[in-house]
């Protein structure tokens, strides 16, 4: 295994600073669902706002037998700091 890492360089684990993690609670069953946003790849530029605003949309579903979808919308500024968060079908915890 070490030989393969030496040959191919091995990729280090993703840095925690490039991932935003959040948790939402389903309104129907109460399950807490954890989601994550890769700040380098999951963000879309929002040009209508007139500034450097980036948007991420996620649809989460729990592991229990409740199939309720929780839709999450997150807005970030150009330095990847959270500005707004909205959840439909659940609430942030």
N, C-alpha and C. Protein backbone atom coordinates (compact mmCIF):
# COMPACT_ATOMS: atom_id res chain seq x y z
N UNK A 1 0.82 -1.19 0.00
CA UNK A 1 0.00 0.00 0.00
C UNK A 1 0.87 1.25 0.00
N UNK A 2 1.92 1.26 0.81
CA UNK A 2 2.81 2.42 0.84
C UNK A 2 3.51 2.61 -0.49
N UNK A 3 3.79 1.50 -1.18
CA UNK A 3 4.44 1.59 -2.48
C UNK A 3 3.54 2.33 -3.47
N UNK A 4 2.24 2.02 -3.44
CA UNK A 4 1.31 2.71 -4.34
C UNK A 4 1.23 4.20 -4.03
N UNK A 5 1.23 4.55 -2.75
CA UNK A 5 1.19 5.96 -2.38
C UNK A 5 2.44 6.68 -2.87
N UNK A 6 3.58 6.00 -2.78
CA UNK A 6 4.83 6.61 -3.25
C UNK A 6 4.82 6.78 -4.76
N UNK A 7 4.27 5.78 -5.47
CA UNK A 7 4.24 5.85 -6.93
C UNK A 7 3.28 6.91 -7.44
N UNK A 8 2.09 6.95 -6.87
CA UNK A 8 1.06 7.85 -7.39
C UNK A 8 0.86 9.10 -6.55
N UNK A 9 1.63 9.26 -5.53
CA UNK A 9 1.58 10.47 -4.73
C UNK A 9 0.53 10.47 -3.65
N UNK A 10 -0.52 9.68 -3.78
CA UNK A 10 -1.57 9.66 -2.76
C UNK A 10 -2.17 11.04 -2.57
N UNK A 11 -3.45 11.12 -2.52
CA UNK A 11 -4.09 12.43 -2.34
C UNK A 11 -4.41 12.63 -0.86
N UNK A 12 -4.04 13.76 -0.32
CA UNK A 12 -4.37 14.04 1.09
C UNK A 12 -5.86 14.24 1.25
N UNK A 13 -6.35 14.06 2.46
CA UNK A 13 -7.77 14.26 2.75
C UNK A 13 -8.14 15.72 2.52
N UNK A 14 -9.41 15.95 2.19
CA UNK A 14 -9.88 17.32 1.96
C UNK A 14 -9.77 18.13 3.24
N UNK A 15 -9.37 19.35 3.08
CA UNK A 15 -9.25 20.25 4.21
C UNK A 15 -10.64 20.65 4.69
N UNK A 16 -10.81 20.78 5.99
CA UNK A 16 -12.11 21.13 6.56
C UNK A 16 -12.54 22.54 6.18
N UNK A 17 -11.60 23.40 5.80
CA UNK A 17 -11.96 24.77 5.47
C UNK A 17 -12.68 24.88 4.13
N UNK A 18 -12.64 23.84 3.32
CA UNK A 18 -13.30 23.88 2.02
C UNK A 18 -14.66 23.20 2.03
N UNK A 19 -15.11 22.79 3.22
CA UNK A 19 -16.40 22.11 3.34
C UNK A 19 -17.23 22.83 4.40
N UNK A 20 -18.49 23.12 4.07
CA UNK A 20 -19.42 23.69 5.04
C UNK A 20 -20.42 22.59 5.40
N UNK A 21 -20.51 22.25 6.68
CA UNK A 21 -21.40 21.20 7.15
C UNK A 21 -22.57 21.83 7.91
N UNK A 22 -23.77 21.28 7.70
CA UNK A 22 -24.96 21.79 8.36
C UNK A 22 -25.88 20.63 8.72
N UNK A 23 -26.81 20.88 9.62
CA UNK A 23 -27.79 19.87 10.03
C UNK A 23 -29.18 20.47 9.99
N UNK A 24 -30.13 19.68 9.50
CA UNK A 24 -31.53 20.09 9.47
C UNK A 24 -32.38 19.01 10.13
N UNK A 25 -33.51 19.43 10.69
CA UNK A 25 -34.43 18.50 11.33
C UNK A 25 -35.69 18.42 10.48
N UNK A 26 -36.06 17.21 10.08
CA UNK A 26 -37.24 16.97 9.25
C UNK A 26 -38.50 17.36 10.02
N UNK A 27 -39.41 18.11 9.39
CA UNK A 27 -40.65 18.53 10.05
C UNK A 27 -41.62 17.37 10.23
N UNK A 28 -41.53 16.36 9.39
CA UNK A 28 -42.48 15.25 9.47
C UNK A 28 -42.10 14.25 10.56
N UNK A 29 -40.85 13.74 10.53
CA UNK A 29 -40.48 12.66 11.47
C UNK A 29 -39.53 13.12 12.57
N UNK A 30 -38.92 14.29 12.44
CA UNK A 30 -38.02 14.79 13.47
C UNK A 30 -36.60 14.31 13.36
N UNK A 31 -36.27 13.55 12.31
CA UNK A 31 -34.90 13.06 12.13
C UNK A 31 -33.95 14.21 11.81
N UNK A 32 -32.78 14.19 12.41
CA UNK A 32 -31.75 15.18 12.12
C UNK A 32 -30.88 14.64 11.00
N UNK A 33 -30.79 15.41 9.92
CA UNK A 33 -30.04 15.01 8.73
C UNK A 33 -28.87 15.96 8.56
N UNK A 34 -27.69 15.41 8.34
CA UNK A 34 -26.49 16.22 8.14
C UNK A 34 -26.18 16.31 6.65
N UNK A 35 -25.87 17.51 6.21
CA UNK A 35 -25.49 17.74 4.82
C UNK A 35 -24.19 18.50 4.76
N UNK A 36 -23.58 18.53 3.59
CA UNK A 36 -22.33 19.26 3.43
C UNK A 36 -22.27 19.90 2.05
N UNK A 37 -21.56 21.01 1.99
CA UNK A 37 -21.37 21.75 0.75
C UNK A 37 -19.87 21.88 0.53
N UNK A 38 -19.40 21.44 -0.62
CA UNK A 38 -18.01 21.62 -1.00
C UNK A 38 -17.90 23.05 -1.54
N UNK A 39 -17.20 23.91 -0.82
CA UNK A 39 -17.15 25.33 -1.17
C UNK A 39 -16.36 25.60 -2.45
N UNK A 40 -15.61 24.63 -2.93
CA UNK A 40 -14.87 24.81 -4.18
C UNK A 40 -15.66 24.34 -5.39
N UNK A 41 -16.59 23.40 -5.22
CA UNK A 41 -17.25 22.80 -6.37
C UNK A 41 -18.76 22.92 -6.39
N UNK A 42 -19.42 23.07 -5.26
CA UNK A 42 -20.88 23.04 -5.21
C UNK A 42 -21.54 24.41 -5.34
N UNK A 43 -20.78 25.48 -5.37
CA UNK A 43 -21.38 26.82 -5.40
C UNK A 43 -21.59 27.31 -6.82
N UNK A 44 -22.69 28.03 -7.02
CA UNK A 44 -23.00 28.66 -8.30
C UNK A 44 -23.04 30.16 -8.10
N UNK A 45 -22.50 30.90 -9.06
CA UNK A 45 -22.51 32.36 -8.98
C UNK A 45 -23.91 32.88 -9.25
N UNK A 46 -24.34 33.84 -8.45
CA UNK A 46 -25.66 34.46 -8.59
C UNK A 46 -25.43 35.88 -9.09
N UNK A 47 -25.67 36.11 -10.38
CA UNK A 47 -25.36 37.39 -10.99
C UNK A 47 -26.46 38.42 -10.80
N UNK A 48 -27.68 38.01 -10.53
CA UNK A 48 -28.80 38.94 -10.40
C UNK A 48 -28.72 39.77 -9.13
N UNK A 49 -28.00 39.32 -8.12
CA UNK A 49 -27.92 40.04 -6.85
C UNK A 49 -27.06 41.30 -6.95
N UNK A 50 -26.22 41.40 -7.96
CA UNK A 50 -25.40 42.59 -8.14
C UNK A 50 -24.08 42.56 -7.40
N UNK A 51 -23.72 41.46 -6.84
CA UNK A 51 -22.46 41.35 -6.11
C UNK A 51 -21.89 39.97 -6.27
N UNK A 52 -20.88 39.69 -5.48
CA UNK A 52 -20.27 38.37 -5.51
C UNK A 52 -21.00 37.46 -4.53
N UNK A 53 -22.13 36.94 -4.97
CA UNK A 53 -22.95 36.04 -4.16
C UNK A 53 -22.89 34.66 -4.79
N UNK A 54 -22.72 33.65 -3.95
CA UNK A 54 -22.67 32.27 -4.42
C UNK A 54 -23.77 31.48 -3.74
N UNK A 55 -24.41 30.61 -4.48
CA UNK A 55 -25.59 29.90 -4.03
C UNK A 55 -25.35 28.40 -4.09
N UNK A 56 -25.84 27.69 -3.08
CA UNK A 56 -25.81 26.23 -3.06
C UNK A 56 -27.20 25.73 -2.71
N UNK A 57 -27.69 24.78 -3.48
CA UNK A 57 -29.00 24.16 -3.21
C UNK A 57 -28.78 22.67 -3.02
N UNK A 58 -29.38 22.13 -1.97
CA UNK A 58 -29.28 20.70 -1.67
C UNK A 58 -30.66 20.17 -1.34
N UNK A 59 -30.91 18.93 -1.71
CA UNK A 59 -32.13 18.22 -1.34
C UNK A 59 -31.69 17.02 -0.53
N UNK A 60 -32.15 16.95 0.72
CA UNK A 60 -31.74 15.90 1.63
C UNK A 60 -32.92 14.99 1.97
N UNK A 61 -32.62 13.72 2.20
CA UNK A 61 -33.63 12.77 2.63
C UNK A 61 -33.00 11.89 3.70
N UNK A 62 -33.73 11.63 4.76
CA UNK A 62 -33.20 10.86 5.87
C UNK A 62 -33.08 9.37 5.58
N UNK A 63 -32.57 8.66 6.57
CA UNK A 63 -32.37 7.22 6.44
C UNK A 63 -33.52 6.42 7.02
N UNK A 64 -34.43 7.06 7.76
CA UNK A 64 -35.59 6.35 8.30
C UNK A 64 -36.59 6.08 7.20
N UNK A 65 -37.76 5.57 7.55
CA UNK A 65 -38.77 5.25 6.54
C UNK A 65 -39.58 6.45 6.09
N UNK A 66 -39.27 7.61 6.61
CA UNK A 66 -39.90 8.85 6.18
C UNK A 66 -39.18 9.33 4.91
N UNK A 67 -39.91 9.51 3.84
CA UNK A 67 -39.29 9.91 2.58
C UNK A 67 -39.52 11.39 2.27
N UNK A 68 -39.74 12.18 3.29
CA UNK A 68 -39.91 13.62 3.14
C UNK A 68 -38.59 14.24 2.69
N UNK A 69 -38.63 15.07 1.68
CA UNK A 69 -37.42 15.77 1.23
C UNK A 69 -37.31 17.10 1.94
N UNK A 70 -36.09 17.43 2.32
CA UNK A 70 -35.80 18.73 2.93
C UNK A 70 -34.91 19.48 1.95
N UNK A 71 -35.43 20.60 1.43
CA UNK A 71 -34.67 21.40 0.46
C UNK A 71 -33.98 22.54 1.19
N UNK A 72 -32.69 22.70 0.93
CA UNK A 72 -31.87 23.68 1.62
C UNK A 72 -31.26 24.62 0.59
N UNK A 73 -31.31 25.92 0.87
CA UNK A 73 -30.67 26.92 0.02
C UNK A 73 -29.75 27.75 0.90
N UNK A 74 -28.48 27.83 0.51
CA UNK A 74 -27.47 28.56 1.27
C UNK A 74 -26.84 29.62 0.38
N UNK A 75 -26.65 30.82 0.92
CA UNK A 75 -25.99 31.90 0.19
C UNK A 75 -24.68 32.24 0.89
N UNK A 76 -23.62 32.38 0.10
CA UNK A 76 -22.29 32.70 0.60
C UNK A 76 -21.78 33.95 -0.10
N UNK A 77 -20.87 34.67 0.57
CA UNK A 77 -20.23 35.81 -0.07
C UNK A 77 -18.96 35.34 -0.77
N UNK A 78 -18.19 36.25 -1.33
CA UNK A 78 -17.00 35.88 -2.10
C UNK A 78 -15.91 35.23 -1.27
N UNK A 79 -15.89 35.48 0.04
CA UNK A 79 -14.90 34.83 0.90
C UNK A 79 -15.46 33.56 1.53
N UNK A 80 -16.55 33.04 0.96
CA UNK A 80 -17.17 31.77 1.36
C UNK A 80 -17.71 31.77 2.79
N UNK A 81 -18.21 32.91 3.23
CA UNK A 81 -18.86 33.02 4.54
C UNK A 81 -20.37 32.97 4.32
N UNK A 82 -21.07 32.27 5.18
CA UNK A 82 -22.52 32.09 5.05
C UNK A 82 -23.23 33.43 5.30
N UNK A 83 -24.13 33.79 4.38
CA UNK A 83 -24.93 35.01 4.50
C UNK A 83 -26.36 34.68 4.90
N UNK A 84 -26.99 33.72 4.21
CA UNK A 84 -28.38 33.35 4.46
C UNK A 84 -28.54 31.85 4.33
N UNK A 85 -29.55 31.33 5.02
CA UNK A 85 -29.90 29.92 4.88
C UNK A 85 -31.40 29.75 5.01
N UNK A 86 -31.98 28.95 4.13
CA UNK A 86 -33.42 28.67 4.14
C UNK A 86 -33.63 27.17 3.98
N UNK A 87 -34.60 26.64 4.67
CA UNK A 87 -34.94 25.21 4.56
C UNK A 87 -36.44 25.07 4.36
N UNK A 88 -36.82 24.22 3.41
CA UNK A 88 -38.21 23.90 3.14
C UNK A 88 -38.42 22.43 3.50
N UNK A 89 -39.39 22.16 4.35
CA UNK A 89 -39.65 20.79 4.79
C UNK A 89 -38.88 20.43 6.04
N UNK A 90 -38.15 21.39 6.60
CA UNK A 90 -37.37 21.15 7.81
C UNK A 90 -36.87 22.45 8.39
N UNK A 91 -36.08 22.35 9.44
CA UNK A 91 -35.50 23.55 10.06
C UNK A 91 -34.07 23.25 10.45
N UNK A 92 -33.25 24.29 10.47
CA UNK A 92 -31.85 24.14 10.82
C UNK A 92 -31.69 23.91 12.32
N UNK A 93 -30.76 23.05 12.68
CA UNK A 93 -30.45 22.80 14.10
C UNK A 93 -28.98 23.07 14.34
